[in-house]
Amino acid sequence: MCALPVDGPKDMSIESLANELATAKSFALVEVAEKIQRELDVAASSEQRGRVLAIFNMTMDQEERNLAARDQEALLEQLKKARAQHYRTFIVKECTVGGESPGGGDVSVEMLMAVTNREIAAGRMTEAHALRRMAVEGAAAPHMSHAELVAKHARQAQPTGPASSHGTDSSKLAYAFGSIVGRKLKGLFRE
């Protein structure tokens, strides 16, 4: 595995993760996914999250090569499915605003577009990926901006009372579209 440039304390944590996974004697996808998710949760920038996903990608590529070399086709297919599921989960979580809000969070179309742009540029995603198609469809339809989603969840987090029920027609339309995106995301994870 190649060394990643180190620019600060967080980058040292990412580098440590890369070294740990590169030198691991055994492989447990659940443990790797948990470590990756912890790093993604504390990453301070999109660039750092991209680097963490690059580590996940390199680790999974190596394990796929190992299983293929041992002719373990059934395990290889299981790994590919689990890998795709974890990758989708990482991307959706990165793009979710207000996950701790009452009723859960909302996927930011703007974030989904930015993250899928980053992933395509890095070669980890194609234009045909389901999340990319959702980002493009979402950007073409009325939707709440990232700033509006942040404000919505900030209002929901306020203990002073219920959020205002006076929504504009555009926010109602954006909410309806968000509901459609949510259903599509649920369907994507059932595949």
N, C-alpha and C. Protein backbone atom coordinates (compact mmCIF):
# COMPACT_ATOMS: atom_id res chain seq x y z
N MET A 1 0.86 -1.18 0.00
CA MET A 1 0.00 0.00 0.00
C MET A 1 0.90 1.23 0.00
N CYS A 2 0.51 2.24 -0.73
CA CYS A 2 1.33 3.44 -0.81
C CYS A 2 1.12 4.33 0.41
N ALA A 3 2.16 5.06 0.72
CA ALA A 3 2.06 5.98 1.85
C ALA A 3 1.29 7.22 1.43
N LEU A 4 0.52 7.73 2.34
CA LEU A 4 -0.25 8.95 2.09
C LEU A 4 0.47 10.12 2.73
N PRO A 5 0.44 11.30 2.10
CA PRO A 5 1.10 12.46 2.70
C PRO A 5 0.45 12.83 4.02
N VAL A 6 1.27 13.25 4.96
CA VAL A 6 0.79 13.60 6.29
C VAL A 6 0.94 15.11 6.48
N ASP A 7 -0.21 15.79 6.77
CA ASP A 7 -0.18 17.24 6.93
C ASP A 7 -0.52 17.70 8.33
N GLY A 8 -1.09 16.87 9.15
CA GLY A 8 -1.50 17.28 10.48
C GLY A 8 -1.92 16.09 11.32
N PRO A 9 -2.42 16.34 12.56
CA PRO A 9 -2.78 15.25 13.47
C PRO A 9 -3.82 14.30 12.88
N LYS A 10 -4.83 14.82 12.21
CA LYS A 10 -5.86 13.95 11.64
C LYS A 10 -5.25 13.10 10.54
N ASP A 11 -4.35 13.70 9.75
CA ASP A 11 -3.70 12.95 8.69
C ASP A 11 -2.84 11.83 9.25
N MET A 12 -2.27 12.04 10.43
CA MET A 12 -1.48 10.99 11.07
C MET A 12 -2.39 9.82 11.46
N SER A 13 -3.61 10.11 11.88
CA SER A 13 -4.57 9.08 12.22
C SER A 13 -4.92 8.27 10.97
N ILE A 14 -5.12 8.96 9.85
CA ILE A 14 -5.43 8.28 8.59
C ILE A 14 -4.25 7.43 8.16
N GLU A 15 -3.06 7.96 8.27
CA GLU A 15 -1.85 7.20 7.93
C GLU A 15 -1.71 5.97 8.83
N SER A 16 -2.01 6.11 10.11
CA SER A 16 -1.95 4.97 11.03
C SER A 16 -2.94 3.88 10.61
N LEU A 17 -4.14 4.30 10.23
CA LEU A 17 -5.14 3.35 9.76
C LEU A 17 -4.64 2.63 8.51
N ALA A 18 -4.07 3.37 7.58
CA ALA A 18 -3.56 2.76 6.36
C ALA A 18 -2.48 1.74 6.67
N ASN A 19 -1.56 2.09 7.56
CA ASN A 19 -0.49 1.16 7.94
C ASN A 19 -1.05 -0.06 8.66
N GLU A 20 -2.00 0.15 9.55
CA GLU A 20 -2.61 -0.96 10.29
C GLU A 20 -3.28 -1.96 9.34
N LEU A 21 -4.05 -1.44 8.40
CA LEU A 21 -4.76 -2.33 7.48
C LEU A 21 -3.81 -3.00 6.49
N ALA A 22 -2.74 -2.31 6.11
CA ALA A 22 -1.78 -2.88 5.17
C ALA A 22 -0.98 -4.03 5.79
N THR A 23 -0.77 -3.96 7.10
CA THR A 23 0.05 -4.98 7.75
C THR A 23 -0.77 -6.02 8.52
N ALA A 24 -2.09 -5.94 8.44
CA ALA A 24 -2.94 -6.88 9.18
C ALA A 24 -2.73 -8.30 8.65
N LYS A 25 -2.64 -9.24 9.58
CA LYS A 25 -2.46 -10.66 9.23
C LYS A 25 -3.80 -11.30 8.86
N SER A 26 -4.87 -10.82 9.44
CA SER A 26 -6.18 -11.38 9.13
C SER A 26 -7.13 -10.25 8.76
N PHE A 27 -8.25 -10.63 8.20
CA PHE A 27 -9.18 -9.65 7.67
C PHE A 27 -10.57 -9.93 8.20
N ALA A 28 -11.20 -8.92 8.78
CA ALA A 28 -12.60 -9.02 9.21
C ALA A 28 -13.30 -7.78 8.69
N LEU A 29 -14.16 -7.96 7.70
CA LEU A 29 -14.80 -6.82 7.05
C LEU A 29 -15.53 -5.93 8.05
N VAL A 30 -16.21 -6.53 9.01
CA VAL A 30 -16.96 -5.73 9.98
C VAL A 30 -16.01 -4.81 10.75
N GLU A 31 -14.88 -5.33 11.18
CA GLU A 31 -13.91 -4.51 11.92
C GLU A 31 -13.32 -3.42 11.03
N VAL A 32 -12.99 -3.77 9.80
CA VAL A 32 -12.45 -2.77 8.87
C VAL A 32 -13.47 -1.67 8.65
N ALA A 33 -14.73 -2.06 8.40
CA ALA A 33 -15.79 -1.07 8.15
C ALA A 33 -15.98 -0.16 9.37
N GLU A 34 -15.92 -0.73 10.57
CA GLU A 34 -16.06 0.09 11.78
C GLU A 34 -14.92 1.08 11.91
N LYS A 35 -13.70 0.64 11.62
CA LYS A 35 -12.55 1.55 11.69
C LYS A 35 -12.66 2.65 10.65
N ILE A 36 -13.08 2.27 9.45
CA ILE A 36 -13.24 3.27 8.39
C ILE A 36 -14.31 4.27 8.80
N GLN A 37 -15.45 3.79 9.32
CA GLN A 37 -16.53 4.69 9.71
C GLN A 37 -16.08 5.65 10.81
N ARG A 38 -15.31 5.15 11.79
CA ARG A 38 -14.80 6.04 12.85
C ARG A 38 -13.94 7.14 12.25
N GLU A 39 -13.09 6.79 11.32
CA GLU A 39 -12.23 7.79 10.69
C GLU A 39 -13.06 8.78 9.87
N LEU A 40 -14.06 8.28 9.16
CA LEU A 40 -14.93 9.17 8.39
C LEU A 40 -15.68 10.12 9.31
N ASP A 41 -16.10 9.64 10.46
CA ASP A 41 -16.86 10.46 11.41
C ASP A 41 -16.05 11.64 11.94
N VAL A 42 -14.74 11.47 12.07
CA VAL A 42 -13.91 12.53 12.64
C VAL A 42 -13.13 13.31 11.58
N ALA A 43 -13.21 12.87 10.33
CA ALA A 43 -12.51 13.59 9.26
C ALA A 43 -13.04 15.01 9.18
N ALA A 44 -12.12 15.95 9.02
CA ALA A 44 -12.49 17.37 9.04
C ALA A 44 -12.77 17.94 7.65
N SER A 45 -12.46 17.19 6.60
CA SER A 45 -12.65 17.73 5.25
C SER A 45 -13.04 16.62 4.29
N SER A 46 -13.55 17.05 3.16
CA SER A 46 -13.90 16.10 2.10
C SER A 46 -12.64 15.38 1.62
N GLU A 47 -11.53 16.10 1.56
CA GLU A 47 -10.27 15.50 1.13
C GLU A 47 -9.87 14.37 2.08
N GLN A 48 -10.00 14.59 3.38
CA GLN A 48 -9.66 13.54 4.34
C GLN A 48 -10.61 12.36 4.21
N ARG A 49 -11.90 12.62 4.02
CA ARG A 49 -12.86 11.52 3.85
C ARG A 49 -12.53 10.74 2.57
N GLY A 50 -12.12 11.45 1.53
CA GLY A 50 -11.69 10.78 0.30
C GLY A 50 -10.49 9.88 0.54
N ARG A 51 -9.57 10.35 1.34
CA ARG A 51 -8.39 9.54 1.66
C ARG A 51 -8.77 8.29 2.46
N VAL A 52 -9.71 8.44 3.38
CA VAL A 52 -10.16 7.29 4.16
C VAL A 52 -10.85 6.28 3.23
N LEU A 53 -11.67 6.76 2.31
CA LEU A 53 -12.33 5.85 1.37
C LEU A 53 -11.32 5.20 0.44
N ALA A 54 -10.23 5.90 0.12
CA ALA A 54 -9.17 5.30 -0.69
C ALA A 54 -8.53 4.13 0.07
N ILE A 55 -8.37 4.28 1.37
CA ILE A 55 -7.83 3.19 2.19
C ILE A 55 -8.79 2.01 2.18
N PHE A 56 -10.07 2.28 2.35
CA PHE A 56 -11.07 1.21 2.29
C PHE A 56 -10.99 0.50 0.94
N ASN A 57 -10.92 1.29 -0.12
CA ASN A 57 -10.86 0.73 -1.47
C ASN A 57 -9.63 -0.15 -1.65
N MET A 58 -8.47 0.34 -1.23
CA MET A 58 -7.23 -0.44 -1.37
C MET A 58 -7.30 -1.73 -0.56
N THR A 59 -7.85 -1.64 0.64
CA THR A 59 -7.97 -2.82 1.50
C THR A 59 -8.89 -3.86 0.87
N MET A 60 -10.02 -3.41 0.35
CA MET A 60 -10.98 -4.33 -0.28
C MET A 60 -10.42 -4.91 -1.57
N ASP A 61 -9.70 -4.09 -2.35
CA ASP A 61 -9.07 -4.61 -3.58
C ASP A 61 -8.10 -5.73 -3.24
N GLN A 62 -7.30 -5.54 -2.21
CA GLN A 62 -6.32 -6.55 -1.82
C GLN A 62 -7.01 -7.83 -1.37
N GLU A 63 -8.05 -7.69 -0.57
CA GLU A 63 -8.76 -8.88 -0.10
C GLU A 63 -9.45 -9.61 -1.25
N GLU A 64 -9.99 -8.86 -2.20
CA GLU A 64 -10.58 -9.50 -3.38
C GLU A 64 -9.52 -10.27 -4.16
N ARG A 65 -8.33 -9.69 -4.32
CA ARG A 65 -7.25 -10.40 -5.02
C ARG A 65 -6.86 -11.66 -4.25
N ASN A 66 -6.81 -11.57 -2.92
CA ASN A 66 -6.46 -12.75 -2.11
C ASN A 66 -7.49 -13.86 -2.28
N LEU A 67 -8.76 -13.53 -2.24
CA LEU A 67 -9.80 -14.54 -2.39
C LEU A 67 -9.80 -15.13 -3.79
N ALA A 68 -9.57 -14.30 -4.81
CA ALA A 68 -9.52 -14.79 -6.18
C ALA A 68 -8.33 -15.73 -6.37
N ALA A 69 -7.18 -15.40 -5.77
CA ALA A 69 -5.99 -16.25 -5.88
C ALA A 69 -6.20 -17.60 -5.22
N ARG A 70 -7.06 -17.64 -4.20
CA ARG A 70 -7.33 -18.92 -3.50
C ARG A 70 -8.57 -19.62 -4.07
N ASP A 71 -9.09 -19.12 -5.19
CA ASP A 71 -10.28 -19.68 -5.84
C ASP A 71 -11.47 -19.81 -4.88
N GLN A 72 -11.67 -18.79 -4.08
CA GLN A 72 -12.80 -18.77 -3.14
C GLN A 72 -13.89 -17.87 -3.71
N GLU A 73 -14.50 -18.34 -4.79
CA GLU A 73 -15.49 -17.54 -5.53
C GLU A 73 -16.70 -17.16 -4.69
N ALA A 74 -17.21 -18.09 -3.87
CA ALA A 74 -18.40 -17.79 -3.06
C ALA A 74 -18.08 -16.67 -2.06
N LEU A 75 -16.92 -16.78 -1.40
CA LEU A 75 -16.52 -15.72 -0.44
C LEU A 75 -16.25 -14.41 -1.17
N LEU A 76 -15.69 -14.50 -2.35
CA LEU A 76 -15.39 -13.30 -3.13
C LEU A 76 -16.69 -12.57 -3.48
N GLU A 77 -17.72 -13.29 -3.90
CA GLU A 77 -19.01 -12.67 -4.22
C GLU A 77 -19.63 -12.04 -2.97
N GLN A 78 -19.54 -12.72 -1.84
CA GLN A 78 -20.07 -12.16 -0.58
C GLN A 78 -19.33 -10.89 -0.21
N LEU A 79 -18.02 -10.91 -0.36
CA LEU A 79 -17.22 -9.73 -0.04
C LEU A 79 -17.59 -8.56 -0.96
N LYS A 80 -17.77 -8.82 -2.24
CA LYS A 80 -18.12 -7.76 -3.18
C LYS A 80 -19.46 -7.13 -2.81
N LYS A 81 -20.43 -7.94 -2.43
CA LYS A 81 -21.74 -7.41 -2.03
C LYS A 81 -21.63 -6.58 -0.75
N ALA A 82 -20.91 -7.12 0.24
CA ALA A 82 -20.74 -6.40 1.51
C ALA A 82 -19.95 -5.11 1.30
N ARG A 83 -18.94 -5.17 0.46
CA ARG A 83 -18.13 -3.99 0.15
C ARG A 83 -19.00 -2.89 -0.45
N ALA A 84 -19.83 -3.25 -1.42
CA ALA A 84 -20.71 -2.27 -2.08
C ALA A 84 -21.69 -1.68 -1.07
N GLN A 85 -22.20 -2.51 -0.17
CA GLN A 85 -23.15 -2.04 0.85
C GLN A 85 -22.47 -1.04 1.80
N HIS A 86 -21.28 -1.38 2.26
CA HIS A 86 -20.56 -0.47 3.16
C HIS A 86 -20.22 0.84 2.46
N TYR A 87 -19.80 0.75 1.21
CA TYR A 87 -19.44 1.96 0.46
C TYR A 87 -20.66 2.87 0.34
N ARG A 88 -21.81 2.31 -0.02
CA ARG A 88 -23.03 3.13 -0.11
C ARG A 88 -23.35 3.76 1.24
N THR A 89 -23.21 2.98 2.31
CA THR A 89 -23.49 3.50 3.64
C THR A 89 -22.56 4.65 3.98
N PHE A 90 -21.27 4.51 3.69
CA PHE A 90 -20.31 5.57 3.97
C PHE A 90 -20.70 6.86 3.22
N ILE A 91 -21.05 6.73 1.96
CA ILE A 91 -21.38 7.90 1.14
C ILE A 91 -22.65 8.57 1.66
N VAL A 92 -23.69 7.78 1.90
CA VAL A 92 -24.96 8.35 2.35
C VAL A 92 -24.79 9.02 3.71
N LYS A 93 -24.04 8.40 4.60
CA LYS A 93 -23.83 9.01 5.92
C LYS A 93 -23.08 10.34 5.79
N GLU A 94 -22.12 10.39 4.89
CA GLU A 94 -21.37 11.64 4.69
C GLU A 94 -22.28 12.75 4.18
N CYS A 95 -23.32 12.39 3.46
CA CYS A 95 -24.20 13.38 2.84
C CYS A 95 -25.46 13.66 3.65
N THR A 96 -25.57 13.05 4.82
CA THR A 96 -26.77 13.22 5.64
C THR A 96 -26.60 14.39 6.60
N VAL A 97 -27.62 15.23 6.63
CA VAL A 97 -27.66 16.38 7.53
C VAL A 97 -28.66 16.08 8.62
N GLY A 98 -28.28 16.29 9.88
CA GLY A 98 -29.21 16.14 10.99
C GLY A 98 -29.56 14.72 11.36
N GLY A 99 -28.60 13.81 11.26
CA GLY A 99 -28.86 12.42 11.59
C GLY A 99 -29.38 12.21 13.00
N GLU A 100 -29.03 13.10 13.91
CA GLU A 100 -29.46 12.97 15.31
C GLU A 100 -30.75 13.73 15.57
N SER A 101 -31.31 14.37 14.55
CA SER A 101 -32.53 15.15 14.72
C SER A 101 -33.73 14.23 14.95
N PRO A 102 -34.75 14.75 15.60
CA PRO A 102 -35.99 13.96 15.72
C PRO A 102 -36.50 13.61 14.32
N GLY A 103 -36.79 12.36 14.12
CA GLY A 103 -37.25 11.92 12.80
C GLY A 103 -36.12 11.55 11.86
N GLY A 104 -34.88 11.70 12.29
CA GLY A 104 -33.75 11.34 11.45
C GLY A 104 -33.29 12.46 10.56
N GLY A 105 -32.29 12.17 9.76
CA GLY A 105 -31.68 13.18 8.92
C GLY A 105 -32.22 13.17 7.51
N ASP A 106 -31.70 14.09 6.73
CA ASP A 106 -32.03 14.23 5.31
C ASP A 106 -30.74 14.17 4.51
N VAL A 107 -30.81 13.55 3.34
CA VAL A 107 -29.65 13.54 2.47
C VAL A 107 -29.61 14.86 1.72
N SER A 108 -28.49 15.54 1.80
CA SER A 108 -28.28 16.79 1.10
C SER A 108 -27.92 16.49 -0.35
N VAL A 109 -28.77 16.93 -1.26
CA VAL A 109 -28.52 16.73 -2.69
C VAL A 109 -27.20 17.40 -3.08
N GLU A 110 -26.95 18.59 -2.55
CA GLU A 110 -25.70 19.29 -2.87
C GLU A 110 -24.49 18.49 -2.40
N MET A 111 -24.58 17.94 -1.21
CA MET A 111 -23.47 17.13 -0.69
C MET A 111 -23.32 15.85 -1.51
N LEU A 112 -24.44 15.21 -1.83
CA LEU A 112 -24.38 13.98 -2.62
C LEU A 112 -23.72 14.25 -3.97
N MET A 113 -24.04 15.37 -4.59
CA MET A 113 -23.42 15.73 -5.86
C MET A 113 -21.92 15.96 -5.67
N ALA A 114 -21.55 16.70 -4.64
CA ALA A 114 -20.13 16.98 -4.39
C ALA A 114 -19.35 15.70 -4.08
N VAL A 115 -19.93 14.84 -3.25
CA VAL A 115 -19.24 13.61 -2.87
C VAL A 115 -19.13 12.67 -4.07
N THR A 116 -20.19 12.55 -4.86
CA THR A 116 -20.08 11.67 -6.03
C THR A 116 -19.12 12.25 -7.06
N ASN A 117 -19.04 13.58 -7.16
CA ASN A 117 -18.03 14.19 -8.03
C ASN A 117 -16.63 13.78 -7.57
N ARG A 118 -16.39 13.87 -6.26
CA ARG A 118 -15.08 13.49 -5.69
C ARG A 118 -14.78 12.02 -5.96
N GLU A 119 -15.78 11.18 -5.75
CA GLU A 119 -15.58 9.73 -5.91
C GLU A 119 -15.34 9.36 -7.37
N ILE A 120 -16.03 10.02 -8.28
CA ILE A 120 -15.82 9.77 -9.71
C ILE A 120 -14.43 10.23 -10.12
N ALA A 121 -14.04 11.41 -9.66
CA ALA A 121 -12.70 11.94 -9.98
C ALA A 121 -11.60 11.01 -9.46
N ALA A 122 -11.86 10.37 -8.32
CA ALA A 122 -10.86 9.46 -7.73
C ALA A 122 -10.90 8.07 -8.35
N GLY A 123 -11.90 7.79 -9.18
CA GLY A 123 -12.00 6.48 -9.82
C GLY A 123 -12.65 5.41 -8.97
N ARG A 124 -13.27 5.81 -7.86
CA ARG A 124 -13.93 4.84 -6.99
C ARG A 124 -15.41 4.65 -7.34
N MET A 125 -15.93 5.51 -8.22
CA MET A 125 -17.33 5.47 -8.59
C MET A 125 -17.43 5.79 -10.07
N THR A 126 -18.47 5.25 -10.70
CA THR A 126 -18.73 5.57 -12.10
C THR A 126 -19.97 6.45 -12.20
N GLU A 127 -20.16 7.05 -13.35
CA GLU A 127 -21.36 7.86 -13.60
C GLU A 127 -22.62 7.00 -13.51
N ALA A 128 -22.49 5.70 -13.71
CA ALA A 128 -23.64 4.79 -13.69
C ALA A 128 -24.02 4.33 -12.29
N HIS A 129 -23.23 4.66 -11.28
CA HIS A 129 -23.52 4.23 -9.91
C HIS A 129 -24.87 4.80 -9.47
N ALA A 130 -25.62 4.00 -8.73
CA ALA A 130 -26.97 4.41 -8.30
C ALA A 130 -26.96 5.71 -7.51
N LEU A 131 -25.98 5.91 -6.64
CA LEU A 131 -25.92 7.14 -5.86
C LEU A 131 -25.63 8.34 -6.75
N ARG A 132 -24.84 8.16 -7.77
CA ARG A 132 -24.57 9.26 -8.71
C ARG A 132 -25.83 9.62 -9.47
N ARG A 133 -26.54 8.59 -9.94
CA ARG A 133 -27.79 8.86 -10.66
C ARG A 133 -28.78 9.61 -9.77
N MET A 134 -28.83 9.23 -8.48
CA MET A 134 -29.71 9.93 -7.54
C MET A 134 -29.27 11.38 -7.35
N ALA A 135 -27.97 11.62 -7.31
CA ALA A 135 -27.46 12.98 -7.16
C ALA A 135 -27.86 13.84 -8.36
N VAL A 136 -27.72 13.29 -9.55
CA VAL A 136 -28.05 14.03 -10.77
C VAL A 136 -29.56 14.30 -10.83
N GLU A 137 -30.37 13.27 -10.54
CA GLU A 137 -31.82 13.45 -10.53
C GLU A 137 -32.23 14.48 -9.47
N GLY A 138 -31.62 14.38 -8.30
CA GLY A 138 -31.94 15.30 -7.21
C GLY A 138 -31.58 16.74 -7.54
N ALA A 139 -30.44 16.92 -8.19
CA ALA A 139 -30.00 18.27 -8.55
C ALA A 139 -30.92 18.88 -9.61
N ALA A 140 -31.51 18.04 -10.44
CA ALA A 140 -32.37 18.53 -11.51
C ALA A 140 -33.78 18.86 -11.02
N ALA A 141 -34.14 18.38 -9.84
CA ALA A 141 -35.49 18.59 -9.30
C ALA A 141 -35.43 19.62 -8.17
N PRO A 142 -36.57 20.20 -7.83
CA PRO A 142 -36.57 21.12 -6.67
C PRO A 142 -36.12 20.37 -5.41
N HIS A 143 -35.27 20.99 -4.65
CA HIS A 143 -34.79 20.37 -3.42
C HIS A 143 -34.35 21.46 -2.44
N MET A 144 -34.31 21.08 -1.18
CA MET A 144 -33.81 22.01 -0.17
C MET A 144 -32.30 22.10 -0.31
N SER A 145 -31.79 23.30 -0.19
CA SER A 145 -30.34 23.48 -0.26
C SER A 145 -29.71 22.89 1.00
N HIS A 146 -28.42 22.71 0.94
CA HIS A 146 -27.70 22.20 2.11
C HIS A 146 -27.90 23.15 3.30
N ALA A 147 -27.80 24.45 3.04
CA ALA A 147 -27.98 25.44 4.11
C ALA A 147 -29.39 25.36 4.70
N GLU A 148 -30.40 25.14 3.85
CA GLU A 148 -31.77 25.01 4.35
C GLU A 148 -31.93 23.76 5.21
N LEU A 149 -31.27 22.67 4.81
CA LEU A 149 -31.34 21.45 5.61
C LEU A 149 -30.66 21.64 6.96
N VAL A 150 -29.53 22.32 6.96
CA VAL A 150 -28.83 22.59 8.22
C VAL A 150 -29.72 23.43 9.13
N ALA A 151 -30.34 24.46 8.57
CA ALA A 151 -31.23 25.33 9.36
C ALA A 151 -32.45 24.54 9.86
N LYS A 152 -33.00 23.70 9.04
CA LYS A 152 -34.16 22.87 9.43
C LYS A 152 -33.81 22.02 10.65
N HIS A 153 -32.66 21.36 10.59
CA HIS A 153 -32.29 20.47 11.69
C HIS A 153 -31.84 21.25 12.92
N ALA A 154 -31.34 22.44 12.73
CA ALA A 154 -31.01 23.30 13.88
C ALA A 154 -32.30 23.70 14.60
N ARG A 155 -33.33 24.02 13.82
CA ARG A 155 -34.63 24.35 14.43
C ARG A 155 -35.21 23.14 15.16
N GLN A 156 -35.09 21.98 14.58
CA GLN A 156 -35.62 20.77 15.22
C GLN A 156 -34.89 20.44 16.51
N ALA A 157 -33.63 20.81 16.57
CA ALA A 157 -32.83 20.51 17.75
C ALA A 157 -33.10 21.47 18.90
N GLN A 158 -33.75 22.60 18.61
CA GLN A 158 -34.05 23.59 19.66
C GLN A 158 -35.13 23.05 20.59
N PRO A 159 -34.86 23.07 21.89
CA PRO A 159 -35.84 22.54 22.85
C PRO A 159 -36.96 23.52 23.18
N THR A 160 -36.99 24.68 22.53
CA THR A 160 -37.96 25.72 22.89
C THR A 160 -39.37 25.47 22.37
N GLY A 161 -39.54 24.50 21.53
CA GLY A 161 -40.89 24.22 21.04
C GLY A 161 -40.84 23.63 19.66
N PRO A 162 -41.99 23.30 19.15
CA PRO A 162 -42.01 22.67 17.83
C PRO A 162 -41.58 23.64 16.74
N ALA A 163 -41.07 23.07 15.67
CA ALA A 163 -40.65 23.89 14.54
C ALA A 163 -41.87 24.53 13.91
N SER A 164 -41.65 25.62 13.28
CA SER A 164 -42.75 26.35 12.64
C SER A 164 -43.43 25.49 11.60
N SER A 165 -44.73 25.54 11.58
CA SER A 165 -45.47 24.77 10.59
C SER A 165 -45.78 25.60 9.36
N HIS A 166 -45.22 26.80 9.31
CA HIS A 166 -45.47 27.69 8.18
C HIS A 166 -44.40 27.47 7.13
N GLY A 167 -44.62 26.46 6.26
CA GLY A 167 -43.65 26.18 5.21
C GLY A 167 -44.06 26.85 3.92
N THR A 168 -43.09 27.17 3.10
CA THR A 168 -43.39 27.74 1.81
C THR A 168 -43.71 26.60 0.85
N ASP A 169 -44.33 26.93 -0.26
CA ASP A 169 -44.63 25.90 -1.25
C ASP A 169 -43.36 25.23 -1.73
N SER A 170 -42.28 25.99 -1.92
CA SER A 170 -41.04 25.40 -2.41
C SER A 170 -40.45 24.46 -1.37
N SER A 171 -40.56 24.78 -0.09
CA SER A 171 -40.01 23.88 0.90
C SER A 171 -40.85 22.61 1.00
N LYS A 172 -42.16 22.73 0.77
CA LYS A 172 -43.01 21.53 0.76
C LYS A 172 -42.66 20.64 -0.42
N LEU A 173 -42.42 21.25 -1.56
CA LEU A 173 -42.02 20.49 -2.74
C LEU A 173 -40.67 19.83 -2.52
N ALA A 174 -39.75 20.57 -1.94
CA ALA A 174 -38.43 20.01 -1.65
C ALA A 174 -38.55 18.87 -0.65
N TYR A 175 -39.42 19.01 0.33
CA TYR A 175 -39.62 17.94 1.30
C TYR A 175 -40.18 16.70 0.61
N ALA A 176 -41.13 16.90 -0.30
CA ALA A 176 -41.71 15.77 -1.03
C ALA A 176 -40.63 15.07 -1.86
N PHE A 177 -39.77 15.86 -2.50
CA PHE A 177 -38.69 15.25 -3.26
C PHE A 177 -37.74 14.50 -2.33
N GLY A 178 -37.46 15.08 -1.17
CA GLY A 178 -36.60 14.39 -0.19
C GLY A 178 -37.19 13.07 0.22
N SER A 179 -38.49 13.00 0.34
CA SER A 179 -39.16 11.75 0.68
C SER A 179 -38.95 10.71 -0.42
N ILE A 180 -39.03 11.15 -1.67
CA ILE A 180 -38.80 10.25 -2.80
C ILE A 180 -37.36 9.75 -2.77
N VAL A 181 -36.41 10.65 -2.54
CA VAL A 181 -35.00 10.25 -2.47
C VAL A 181 -34.80 9.26 -1.33
N GLY A 182 -35.45 9.51 -0.20
CA GLY A 182 -35.34 8.59 0.93
C GLY A 182 -35.83 7.21 0.59
N ARG A 183 -36.94 7.12 -0.11
CA ARG A 183 -37.45 5.80 -0.51
C ARG A 183 -36.50 5.12 -1.48
N LYS A 184 -35.92 5.90 -2.41
CA LYS A 184 -34.95 5.33 -3.35
C LYS A 184 -33.72 4.81 -2.61
N LEU A 185 -33.27 5.57 -1.61
CA LEU A 185 -32.10 5.14 -0.84
C LEU A 185 -32.40 3.84 -0.10
N LYS A 186 -33.58 3.74 0.49
CA LYS A 186 -33.95 2.51 1.19
C LYS A 186 -33.96 1.34 0.21
N GLY A 187 -34.50 1.56 -0.97
CA GLY A 187 -34.51 0.51 -1.99
C GLY A 187 -33.11 0.13 -2.43
N LEU A 188 -32.22 1.10 -2.51
CA LEU A 188 -30.85 0.84 -2.90
C LEU A 188 -30.16 -0.08 -1.90
N PHE A 189 -30.45 0.09 -0.63
CA PHE A 189 -29.80 -0.74 0.38
C PHE A 189 -30.44 -2.10 0.51
N ARG A 190 -31.60 -2.30 -0.10
CA ARG A 190 -32.22 -3.62 -0.09
C ARG A 190 -31.69 -4.49 -1.21
N GLU A 191 -31.00 -3.89 -2.19
CA GLU A 191 -30.47 -4.65 -3.36
C GLU A 191 -29.46 -5.68 -2.92
